[in-house]
Amino acid sequence: MGMPSGMELVIIALVVLLLFGGKKIPELAKGLGNGIKNFKKAVKEDDDEIADATSEKIKETKEEVVKATKAEDSQKA
C-alpha cells in the first residue's frame, strides 16, 4: 500500500468537499494551520526553558567547584 494515485486523490478531495462543503474547508484549514503554529510555538518555548535551566545548572555547578577549590586551597595554606 503506497501513496494514492492522482485519481484516488481527486476522489478523496470530492468526498471531503461533499462532507464539509465549500465554505467549511477554508475554516478547517485555518484551524489546522493555527494548531500547527501553536504547537511549534509551545515546542520552542519548552526548548528555551530547558536551555535556560541547563545553563543555570551549569553556572551553579561552576560556582560550587570554585568554592570547593578555594576551600581546599585555604586548608593547604
PDB file of N, CA and C in Angstrom:
ATOM      1  N   MET A   1       0.850  -1.176   0.000  1.00  0.00           N
ATOM      2  CA  MET A   1       0.000   0.000   0.000  1.00  0.00           C
ATOM      3  C   MET A   1       0.889   1.230   0.000  1.00  0.00           C
ATOM      4  N   GLY A   2       0.860   1.959  -1.086  1.00  0.00           N
ATOM      5  CA  GLY A   2       1.709   3.137  -1.224  1.00  0.00           C
ATOM      6  C   GLY A   2       0.897   4.419  -1.222  1.00  0.00           C
ATOM      7  N   MET A   3       1.469   5.406  -1.817  1.00  0.00           N
ATOM      8  CA  MET A   3       0.801   6.704  -1.932  1.00  0.00           C
ATOM      9  C   MET A   3      -0.379   6.596  -2.897  1.00  0.00           C
ATOM     10  N   PRO A   4      -1.455   7.329  -2.619  1.00  0.00           N
ATOM     11  CA  PRO A   4      -2.597   7.302  -3.542  1.00  0.00           C
ATOM     12  C   PRO A   4      -2.230   7.955  -4.876  1.00  0.00           C
ATOM     13  N   SER A   5      -2.806   7.415  -5.943  1.00  0.00           N
ATOM     14  CA  SER A   5      -2.531   7.966  -7.267  1.00  0.00           C
ATOM     15  C   SER A   5      -3.351   9.232  -7.469  1.00  0.00           C
ATOM     16  N   GLY A   6      -3.202   9.837  -8.639  1.00  0.00           N
ATOM     17  CA  GLY A   6      -3.901  11.087  -8.951  1.00  0.00           C
ATOM     18  C   GLY A   6      -5.408  10.946  -8.887  1.00  0.00           C
ATOM     19  N   MET A   7      -5.938   9.870  -9.448  1.00  0.00           N
ATOM     20  CA  MET A   7      -7.395   9.680  -9.463  1.00  0.00           C
ATOM     21  C   MET A   7      -7.918   9.447  -8.050  1.00  0.00           C
ATOM     22  N   GLU A   8      -7.178   8.722  -7.237  1.00  0.00           N
ATOM     23  CA  GLU A   8      -7.592   8.490  -5.859  1.00  0.00           C
ATOM     24  C   GLU A   8      -7.612   9.797  -5.066  1.00  0.00           C
ATOM     25  N   LEU A   9      -6.642  10.671  -5.314  1.00  0.00           N
ATOM     26  CA  LEU A   9      -6.620  11.967  -4.644  1.00  0.00           C
ATOM     27  C   LEU A   9      -7.826  12.812  -5.030  1.00  0.00           C
ATOM     28  N   VAL A  10      -8.212  12.755  -6.297  1.00  0.00           N
ATOM     29  CA  VAL A  10      -9.388  13.501  -6.759  1.00  0.00           C
ATOM     30  C   VAL A  10     -10.644  12.989  -6.053  1.00  0.00           C
ATOM     31  N   ILE A  11     -10.766  11.687  -5.932  1.00  0.00           N
ATOM     32  CA  ILE A  11     -11.934  11.102  -5.257  1.00  0.00           C
ATOM     33  C   ILE A  11     -11.955  11.503  -3.783  1.00  0.00           C
ATOM     34  N   ILE A  12     -10.801  11.470  -3.134  1.00  0.00           N
ATOM     35  CA  ILE A  12     -10.719  11.883  -1.726  1.00  0.00           C
ATOM     36  C   ILE A  12     -11.119  13.348  -1.582  1.00  0.00           C
ATOM     37  N   ALA A  13     -10.637  14.201  -2.476  1.00  0.00           N
ATOM     38  CA  ALA A  13     -10.982  15.624  -2.429  1.00  0.00           C
ATOM     39  C   ALA A  13     -12.489  15.831  -2.607  1.00  0.00           C
ATOM     40  N   LEU A  14     -13.095  15.079  -3.510  1.00  0.00           N
ATOM     41  CA  LEU A  14     -14.539  15.199  -3.719  1.00  0.00           C
ATOM     42  C   LEU A  14     -15.320  14.748  -2.491  1.00  0.00           C
ATOM     43  N   VAL A  15     -14.896  13.680  -1.865  1.00  0.00           N
ATOM     44  CA  VAL A  15     -15.570  13.201  -0.663  1.00  0.00           C
ATOM     45  C   VAL A  15     -15.465  14.249   0.455  1.00  0.00           C
ATOM     46  N   VAL A  16     -14.288  14.830   0.637  1.00  0.00           N
ATOM     47  CA  VAL A  16     -14.106  15.870   1.648  1.00  0.00           C
ATOM     48  C   VAL A  16     -14.996  17.066   1.333  1.00  0.00           C
ATOM     49  N   LEU A  17     -15.067  17.443   0.074  1.00  0.00           N
ATOM     50  CA  LEU A  17     -15.916  18.568  -0.342  1.00  0.00           C
ATOM     51  C   LEU A  17     -17.378  18.272  -0.055  1.00  0.00           C
ATOM     52  N   LEU A  18     -17.815  17.056  -0.311  1.00  0.00           N
ATOM     53  CA  LEU A  18     -19.206  16.682  -0.044  1.00  0.00           C
ATOM     54  C   LEU A  18     -19.504  16.651   1.458  1.00  0.00           C
ATOM     55  N   LEU A  19     -18.548  16.173   2.242  1.00  0.00           N
ATOM     56  CA  LEU A  19     -18.775  16.064   3.678  1.00  0.00           C
ATOM     57  C   LEU A  19     -18.813  17.422   4.378  1.00  0.00           C
ATOM     58  N   PHE A  20     -17.890  18.290   4.019  1.00  0.00           N
ATOM     59  CA  PHE A  20     -17.746  19.541   4.750  1.00  0.00           C
ATOM     60  C   PHE A  20     -18.321  20.749   4.018  1.00  0.00           C
ATOM     61  N   GLY A  21     -18.459  20.687   2.733  1.00  0.00           N
ATOM     62  CA  GLY A  21     -18.959  21.832   1.984  1.00  0.00           C
ATOM     63  C   GLY A  21     -17.842  22.803   1.663  1.00  0.00           C
ATOM     64  N   GLY A  22     -18.069  23.607   0.643  1.00  0.00           N
ATOM     65  CA  GLY A  22     -17.043  24.537   0.167  1.00  0.00           C
ATOM     66  C   GLY A  22     -16.695  25.625   1.158  1.00  0.00           C
ATOM     67  N   LYS A  23     -17.656  26.061   1.968  1.00  0.00           N
ATOM     68  CA  LYS A  23     -17.394  27.159   2.906  1.00  0.00           C
ATOM     69  C   LYS A  23     -16.658  26.686   4.159  1.00  0.00           C
ATOM     70  N   LYS A  24     -16.825  25.447   4.507  1.00  0.00           N
ATOM     71  CA  LYS A  24     -16.249  24.938   5.750  1.00  0.00           C
ATOM     72  C   LYS A  24     -14.768  24.557   5.593  1.00  0.00           C
ATOM     73  N   ILE A  25     -14.351  24.186   4.400  1.00  0.00           N
ATOM     74  CA  ILE A  25     -12.972  23.722   4.186  1.00  0.00           C
ATOM     75  C   ILE A  25     -11.938  24.801   4.520  1.00  0.00           C
ATOM     76  N   PRO A  26     -12.100  26.063   4.068  1.00  0.00           N
ATOM     77  CA  PRO A  26     -11.105  27.078   4.452  1.00  0.00           C
ATOM     78  C   PRO A  26     -11.028  27.289   5.967  1.00  0.00           C
ATOM     79  N   GLU A  27     -12.166  27.191   6.651  1.00  0.00           N
ATOM     80  CA  GLU A  27     -12.159  27.329   8.105  1.00  0.00           C
ATOM     81  C   GLU A  27     -11.393  26.180   8.755  1.00  0.00           C
ATOM     82  N   LEU A  28     -11.595  24.973   8.228  1.00  0.00           N
ATOM     83  CA  LEU A  28     -10.874  23.812   8.764  1.00  0.00           C
ATOM     84  C   LEU A  28      -9.370  23.956   8.523  1.00  0.00           C
ATOM     85  N   ALA A  29      -8.997  24.425   7.333  1.00  0.00           N
ATOM     86  CA  ALA A  29      -7.582  24.600   7.014  1.00  0.00           C
ATOM     87  C   ALA A  29      -6.961  25.673   7.907  1.00  0.00           C
ATOM     88  N   LYS A  30      -7.696  26.746   8.153  1.00  0.00           N
ATOM     89  CA  LYS A  30      -7.196  27.816   9.018  1.00  0.00           C
ATOM     90  C   LYS A  30      -7.003  27.296  10.440  1.00  0.00           C
ATOM     91  N   GLY A  31      -7.974  26.540  10.927  1.00  0.00           N
ATOM     92  CA  GLY A  31      -7.848  25.963  12.267  1.00  0.00           C
ATOM     93  C   GLY A  31      -6.673  25.017  12.375  1.00  0.00           C
ATOM     94  N   LEU A  32      -6.462  24.218  11.344  1.00  0.00           N
ATOM     95  CA  LEU A  32      -5.325  23.298  11.335  1.00  0.00           C
ATOM     96  C   LEU A  32      -4.006  24.078  11.333  1.00  0.00           C
ATOM     97  N   GLY A  33      -3.954  25.134  10.535  1.00  0.00           N
ATOM     98  CA  GLY A  33      -2.742  25.965  10.485  1.00  0.00           C
ATOM     99  C   GLY A  33      -2.447  26.614  11.822  1.00  0.00           C
ATOM    100  N   ASN A  34      -3.485  27.133  12.480  1.00  0.00           N
ATOM    101  CA  ASN A  34      -3.292  27.743  13.798  1.00  0.00           C
ATOM    102  C   ASN A  34      -2.842  26.708  14.820  1.00  0.00           C
ATOM    103  N   GLY A  35      -3.394  25.525  14.734  1.00  0.00           N
ATOM    104  CA  GLY A  35      -2.987  24.463  15.650  1.00  0.00           C
ATOM    105  C   GLY A  35      -1.522  24.097  15.486  1.00  0.00           C
ATOM    106  N   ILE A  36      -1.081  23.988  14.251  1.00  0.00           N
ATOM    107  CA  ILE A  36       0.328  23.667  13.983  1.00  0.00           C
ATOM    108  C   ILE A  36       1.225  24.790  14.482  1.00  0.00           C
ATOM    109  N   LYS A  37       0.819  26.045  14.234  1.00  0.00           N
ATOM    110  CA  LYS A  37       1.613  27.192  14.674  1.00  0.00           C
ATOM    111  C   LYS A  37       1.739  27.220  16.197  1.00  0.00           C
ATOM    112  N   ASN A  38       0.634  26.975  16.900  1.00  0.00           N
ATOM    113  CA  ASN A  38       0.671  26.961  18.360  1.00  0.00           C
ATOM    114  C   ASN A  38       1.524  25.816  18.892  1.00  0.00           C
ATOM    115  N   PHE A  39       1.462  24.669  18.224  1.00  0.00           N
ATOM    116  CA  PHE A  39       2.275  23.530  18.636  1.00  0.00           C
ATOM    117  C   PHE A  39       3.762  23.849  18.503  1.00  0.00           C
ATOM    118  N   LYS A  40       4.154  24.432  17.367  1.00  0.00           N
ATOM    119  CA  LYS A  40       5.562  24.788  17.160  1.00  0.00           C
ATOM    120  C   LYS A  40       6.021  25.824  18.176  1.00  0.00           C
ATOM    121  N   LYS A  41       5.142  26.788  18.495  1.00  0.00           N
ATOM    122  CA  LYS A  41       5.476  27.810  19.476  1.00  0.00           C
ATOM    123  C   LYS A  41       5.703  27.182  20.848  1.00  0.00           C
ATOM    124  N   ALA A  42       4.843  26.242  21.239  1.00  0.00           N
ATOM    125  CA  ALA A  42       4.979  25.577  22.533  1.00  0.00           C
ATOM    126  C   ALA A  42       6.266  24.754  22.598  1.00  0.00           C
ATOM    127  N   VAL A  43       6.598  24.076  21.514  1.00  0.00           N
ATOM    128  CA  VAL A  43       7.836  23.285  21.480  1.00  0.00           C
ATOM    129  C   VAL A  43       9.044  24.198  21.623  1.00  0.00           C
ATOM    130  N   LYS A  44       9.021  25.349  20.929  1.00  0.00           N
ATOM    131  CA  LYS A  44      10.140  26.295  21.013  1.00  0.00           C
ATOM    132  C   LYS A  44      10.272  26.841  22.433  1.00  0.00           C
ATOM    133  N   GLU A  45       9.148  27.173  23.069  1.00  0.00           N
ATOM    134  CA  GLU A  45       9.191  27.680  24.433  1.00  0.00           C
ATOM    135  C   GLU A  45       9.755  26.631  25.390  1.00  0.00           C
ATOM    136  N   ASP A  46       9.365  25.372  25.204  1.00  0.00           N
ATOM    137  CA  ASP A  46       9.895  24.302  26.044  1.00  0.00           C
ATOM    138  C   ASP A  46      11.395  24.144  25.852  1.00  0.00           C
ATOM    139  N   ASP A  47      11.844  24.225  24.601  1.00  0.00           N
ATOM    140  CA  ASP A  47      13.277  24.122  24.327  1.00  0.00           C
ATOM    141  C   ASP A  47      14.036  25.268  24.991  1.00  0.00           C
ATOM    142  N   ASP A  48      13.460  26.484  24.936  1.00  0.00           N
ATOM    143  CA  ASP A  48      14.104  27.634  25.571  1.00  0.00           C
ATOM    144  C   ASP A  48      14.174  27.457  27.083  1.00  0.00           C
ATOM    145  N   GLU A  49      13.094  26.936  27.687  1.00  0.00           N
ATOM    146  CA  GLU A  49      13.089  26.707  29.130  1.00  0.00           C
ATOM    147  C   GLU A  49      14.140  25.677  29.527  1.00  0.00           C
ATOM    148  N   ILE A  50      14.267  24.632  28.737  1.00  0.00           N
ATOM    149  CA  ILE A  50      15.266  23.593  29.022  1.00  0.00           C
ATOM    150  C   ILE A  50      16.669  24.172  28.909  1.00  0.00           C
ATOM    151  N   ALA A  51      16.901  24.979  27.881  1.00  0.00           N
ATOM    152  CA  ALA A  51      18.220  25.588  27.699  1.00  0.00           C
ATOM    153  C   ALA A  51      18.543  26.526  28.854  1.00  0.00           C
ATOM    154  N   ASP A  52      17.566  27.315  29.295  1.00  0.00           N
ATOM    155  CA  ASP A  52      17.791  28.223  30.423  1.00  0.00           C
ATOM    156  C   ASP A  52      18.093  27.452  31.701  1.00  0.00           C
ATOM    157  N   ALA A  53      17.332  26.402  31.954  1.00  0.00           N
ATOM    158  CA  ALA A  53      17.541  25.598  33.155  1.00  0.00           C
ATOM    159  C   ALA A  53      18.911  24.928  33.128  1.00  0.00           C
ATOM    160  N   THR A  54      19.312  24.454  31.961  1.00  0.00           N
ATOM    161  CA  THR A  54      20.609  23.797  31.827  1.00  0.00           C
ATOM    162  C   THR A  54      21.740  24.780  32.076  1.00  0.00           C
ATOM    163  N   SER A  55      21.658  25.969  31.488  1.00  0.00           N
ATOM    164  CA  SER A  55      22.721  26.955  31.677  1.00  0.00           C
ATOM    165  C   SER A  55      22.779  27.416  33.134  1.00  0.00           C
ATOM    166  N   GLU A  56      21.623  27.521  33.791  1.00  0.00           N
ATOM    167  CA  GLU A  56      21.601  27.896  35.206  1.00  0.00           C
ATOM    168  C   GLU A  56      22.262  26.809  36.057  1.00  0.00           C
ATOM    169  N   LYS A  57      21.986  25.551  35.751  1.00  0.00           N
ATOM    170  CA  LYS A  57      22.577  24.442  36.491  1.00  0.00           C
ATOM    171  C   LYS A  57      24.093  24.411  36.290  1.00  0.00           C
ATOM    172  N   ILE A  58      24.543  24.675  35.073  1.00  0.00           N
ATOM    173  CA  ILE A  58      25.985  24.714  34.793  1.00  0.00           C
ATOM    174  C   ILE A  58      26.636  25.831  35.600  1.00  0.00           C
ATOM    175  N   LYS A  59      25.984  26.987  35.644  1.00  0.00           N
ATOM    176  CA  LYS A  59      26.514  28.125  36.397  1.00  0.00           C
ATOM    177  C   LYS A  59      26.630  27.776  37.878  1.00  0.00           C
ATOM    178  N   GLU A  60      25.589  27.148  38.434  1.00  0.00           N
ATOM    179  CA  GLU A  60      25.614  26.761  39.837  1.00  0.00           C
ATOM    180  C   GLU A  60      26.734  25.757  40.113  1.00  0.00           C
ATOM    181  N   THR A  61      26.910  24.811  39.214  1.00  0.00           N
ATOM    182  CA  THR A  61      27.948  23.796  39.383  1.00  0.00           C
ATOM    183  C   THR A  61      29.335  24.434  39.350  1.00  0.00           C
ATOM    184  N   LYS A  62      29.543  25.388  38.441  1.00  0.00           N
ATOM    185  CA  LYS A  62      30.833  26.077  38.371  1.00  0.00           C
ATOM    186  C   LYS A  62      31.111  26.827  39.666  1.00  0.00           C
ATOM    187  N   GLU A  63      30.077  27.490  40.202  1.00  0.00           N
ATOM    188  CA  GLU A  63      30.252  28.229  41.451  1.00  0.00           C
ATOM    189  C   GLU A  63      30.619  27.288  42.593  1.00  0.00           C
ATOM    190  N   GLU A  64      29.996  26.113  42.635  1.00  0.00           N
ATOM    191  CA  GLU A  64      30.302  25.136  43.676  1.00  0.00           C
ATOM    192  C   GLU A  64      31.737  24.634  43.556  1.00  0.00           C
ATOM    193  N   VAL A  65      32.188  24.426  42.335  1.00  0.00           N
ATOM    194  CA  VAL A  65      33.562  23.958  42.117  1.00  0.00           C
ATOM    195  C   VAL A  65      34.550  25.028  42.562  1.00  0.00           C
ATOM    196  N   VAL A  66      34.254  26.281  42.236  1.00  0.00           N
ATOM    197  CA  VAL A  66      35.148  27.371  42.638  1.00  0.00           C
ATOM    198  C   VAL A  66      35.213  27.461  44.156  1.00  0.00           C
ATOM    199  N   LYS A  67      34.071  27.363  44.829  1.00  0.00           N
ATOM    200  CA  LYS A  67      34.053  27.417  46.298  1.00  0.00           C
ATOM    201  C   LYS A  67      34.834  26.254  46.900  1.00  0.00           C
ATOM    202  N   ALA A  68      34.654  25.067  46.347  1.00  0.00           N
ATOM    203  CA  ALA A  68      35.354  23.892  46.858  1.00  0.00           C
ATOM    204  C   ALA A  68      36.858  24.032  46.646  1.00  0.00           C
ATOM    205  N   THR A  69      37.250  24.562  45.511  1.00  0.00           N
ATOM    206  CA  THR A  69      38.670  24.746  45.214  1.00  0.00           C
ATOM    207  C   THR A  69      39.280  25.765  46.173  1.00  0.00           C
ATOM    208  N   LYS A  70      38.571  26.858  46.419  1.00  0.00           N
ATOM    209  CA  LYS A  70      39.075  27.869  47.355  1.00  0.00           C
ATOM    210  C   LYS A  70      39.183  27.302  48.766  1.00  0.00           C
ATOM    211  N   ALA A  71      38.223  26.484  49.158  1.00  0.00           N
ATOM    212  CA  ALA A  71      38.257  25.873  50.496  1.00  0.00           C
ATOM    213  C   ALA A  71      39.455  24.936  50.624  1.00  0.00           C
ATOM    214  N   GLU A  72      39.744  24.165  49.577  1.00  0.00           N
ATOM    215  CA  GLU A  72      40.892  23.262  49.608  1.00  0.00           C
ATOM    216  C   GLU A  72      42.188  24.059  49.658  1.00  0.00           C
ATOM    217  N   ASP A  73      42.258  25.146  48.892  1.00  0.00           N
ATOM    218  CA  ASP A  73      43.465  25.969  48.873  1.00  0.00           C
ATOM    219  C   ASP A  73      43.713  26.610  50.236  1.00  0.00           C
ATOM    220  N   SER A  74      42.633  27.042  50.896  1.00  0.00           N
ATOM    221  CA  SER A  74      42.796  27.690  52.189  1.00  0.00           C
ATOM    222  C   SER A  74      43.216  26.671  53.262  1.00  0.00           C
ATOM    223  N   GLN A  75      42.788  25.421  53.116  1.00  0.00           N
ATOM    224  CA  GLN A  75      43.182  24.394  54.093  1.00  0.00           C
ATOM    225  C   GLN A  75      44.643  23.989  53.900  1.00  0.00           C
ATOM    226  N   LYS A  76      45.126  24.036  52.644  1.00  0.00           N
ATOM    227  CA  LYS A  76      46.518  23.665  52.381  1.00  0.00           C
ATOM    228  C   LYS A  76      47.481  24.724  52.872  1.00  0.00           C
ATOM    229  N   ALA A  77      47.021  25.960  52.884  1.00  0.00           N
ATOM    230  CA  ALA A  77      47.923  27.061  53.246  1.00  0.00           C
ATOM    231  C   ALA A  77      48.192  27.178  54.707  1.00  0.00           C
TER     232      ALA A  77
END
